[in-house]
Amino acid sequence: MLRECATSYTSALVLEDERHHKLLDALIRLCIQLRPLYGSPAIIRTDPAHGFKSLVNDQLLQHHRIVLELGN
């Protein structure tokens, strides 16, 4: 589930599992819907799950201007 901060618009995808490549695909698909292609980076706040930890400096996320911030 992804929630935009200013309007609280929420979008979600159902995943088969929580492996990092599935999370990567879902983050990109959800973010593309919510922000302009040439705007500021999307900052995604997540829990510190192992799948998200492996995506913190992912090149594909950086290419799509998506930044992950891991919580506690």
C-alpha atoms as a PDB file:
ATOM      1  CA  MET A   1       0.000   0.000   0.000  1.00  0.00           C
ATOM      2  CA  LEU A   2       1.256   3.461  -0.883  1.00  0.00           C
ATOM      3  CA  ARG A   3      -0.251   6.679   0.525  1.00  0.00           C
ATOM      4  CA  GLU A   4       0.493  10.129  -0.826  1.00  0.00           C
ATOM      5  CA  CYS A   5       1.089  12.616   2.013  1.00  0.00           C
ATOM      6  CA  ALA A   6      -0.659  15.793   0.825  1.00  0.00           C
ATOM      7  CA  THR A   7      -4.001  14.264  -0.193  1.00  0.00           C
ATOM      8  CA  SER A   8      -3.854  10.816   1.470  1.00  0.00           C
ATOM      9  CA  TYR A   9      -4.597   9.213  -1.915  1.00  0.00           C
ATOM     10  CA  THR A  10      -3.922   5.499  -1.426  1.00  0.00           C
ATOM     11  CA  SER A  11      -2.961   2.861  -3.957  1.00  0.00           C
ATOM     12  CA  ALA A  12      -2.116  -0.812  -3.389  1.00  0.00           C
ATOM     13  CA  LEU A  13      -0.961  -3.986  -5.082  1.00  0.00           C
ATOM     14  CA  VAL A  14      -1.283  -7.567  -3.887  1.00  0.00           C
ATOM     15  CA  LEU A  15       2.083  -9.362  -3.868  1.00  0.00           C
ATOM     16  CA  GLU A  16       2.706 -13.096  -4.025  1.00  0.00           C
ATOM     17  CA  ASP A  17       5.644 -12.754  -1.627  1.00  0.00           C
ATOM     18  CA  GLU A  18       7.979 -10.136  -0.159  1.00  0.00           C
ATOM     19  CA  ARG A  19      11.169 -10.865  -2.096  1.00  0.00           C
ATOM     20  CA  HIS A  20      13.125  -7.783  -3.067  1.00  0.00           C
ATOM     21  CA  HIS A  21      12.466  -8.043  -6.821  1.00  0.00           C
ATOM     22  CA  LYS A  22       8.694  -8.181  -6.216  1.00  0.00           C
ATOM     23  CA  LEU A  23       8.921  -5.184  -3.857  1.00  0.00           C
ATOM     24  CA  LEU A  24      11.044  -3.317  -6.406  1.00  0.00           C
ATOM     25  CA  ASP A  25       8.486  -3.861  -9.177  1.00  0.00           C
ATOM     26  CA  ALA A  26       5.577  -2.877  -6.917  1.00  0.00           C
ATOM     27  CA  LEU A  27       7.270   0.333  -5.713  1.00  0.00           C
ATOM     28  CA  ILE A  28       7.978   1.465  -9.255  1.00  0.00           C
ATOM     29  CA  ARG A  29       4.472   0.608 -10.498  1.00  0.00           C
ATOM     30  CA  LEU A  30       2.806   2.439  -7.599  1.00  0.00           C
ATOM     31  CA  CYS A  31       5.045   5.521  -7.734  1.00  0.00           C
ATOM     32  CA  ILE A  32       4.671   6.027 -11.472  1.00  0.00           C
ATOM     33  CA  GLN A  33       0.938   6.561 -10.931  1.00  0.00           C
ATOM     34  CA  LEU A  34       1.369   9.211  -8.219  1.00  0.00           C
ATOM     35  CA  ARG A  35       4.048  11.619  -9.350  1.00  0.00           C
ATOM     36  CA  PRO A  36       5.201  13.450 -12.480  1.00  0.00           C
ATOM     37  CA  LEU A  37       8.054  11.904 -14.453  1.00  0.00           C
ATOM     38  CA  TYR A  38      10.297  14.956 -14.095  1.00  0.00           C
ATOM     39  CA  GLY A  39       9.415  16.204 -10.620  1.00  0.00           C
ATOM     40  CA  SER A  40      11.237  15.828  -7.354  1.00  0.00           C
ATOM     41  CA  PRO A  41      12.171  12.343  -6.121  1.00  0.00           C
ATOM     42  CA  ALA A  42       9.517  10.237  -4.424  1.00  0.00           C
ATOM     43  CA  ILE A  43      10.499   9.507  -0.818  1.00  0.00           C
ATOM     44  CA  ILE A  44       9.031   6.210   0.329  1.00  0.00           C
ATOM     45  CA  ARG A  45       9.035   5.472   4.070  1.00  0.00           C
ATOM     46  CA  THR A  46       9.051   1.745   4.807  1.00  0.00           C
ATOM     47  CA  ASP A  47       9.545  -0.644   7.666  1.00  0.00           C
ATOM     48  CA  PRO A  48      13.037  -2.180   8.032  1.00  0.00           C
ATOM     49  CA  ALA A  49      12.062  -5.507   6.441  1.00  0.00           C
ATOM     50  CA  HIS A  50      14.922  -7.408   4.809  1.00  0.00           C
ATOM     51  CA  GLY A  51      13.409  -6.983   1.315  1.00  0.00           C
ATOM     52  CA  PHE A  52      13.373  -3.198   1.694  1.00  0.00           C
ATOM     53  CA  LYS A  53      16.878  -3.050   3.195  1.00  0.00           C
ATOM     54  CA  SER A  54      18.295  -4.596   0.025  1.00  0.00           C
ATOM     55  CA  LEU A  55      16.626  -1.880  -2.085  1.00  0.00           C
ATOM     56  CA  VAL A  56      17.944   1.213  -0.273  1.00  0.00           C
ATOM     57  CA  ASN A  57      20.604   2.043  -2.905  1.00  0.00           C
ATOM     58  CA  ASP A  58      19.061   0.181  -5.843  1.00  0.00           C
ATOM     59  CA  GLN A  59      20.084   1.631  -9.223  1.00  0.00           C
ATOM     60  CA  LEU A  60      16.681   1.034 -10.832  1.00  0.00           C
ATOM     61  CA  LEU A  61      14.912   2.913  -8.040  1.00  0.00           C
ATOM     62  CA  GLN A  62      17.411   5.749  -8.401  1.00  0.00           C
ATOM     63  CA  HIS A  63      16.762   5.807 -12.155  1.00  0.00           C
ATOM     64  CA  HIS A  64      13.034   6.265 -11.421  1.00  0.00           C
ATOM     65  CA  ARG A  65      13.921   8.879  -8.759  1.00  0.00           C
ATOM     66  CA  ILE A  66      12.582   6.842  -5.854  1.00  0.00           C
ATOM     67  CA  VAL A  67      14.310   7.092  -2.472  1.00  0.00           C
ATOM     68  CA  LEU A  68      13.628   4.638   0.359  1.00  0.00           C
ATOM     69  CA  GLU A  69      13.756   5.749   4.003  1.00  0.00           C
ATOM     70  CA  LEU A  70      13.777   2.813   6.392  1.00  0.00           C
ATOM     71  CA  GLY A  71      11.946   3.235   9.676  1.00  0.00           C
ATOM     72  CA  ASN A  72      12.610   1.505  12.983  1.00  0.00           C
END
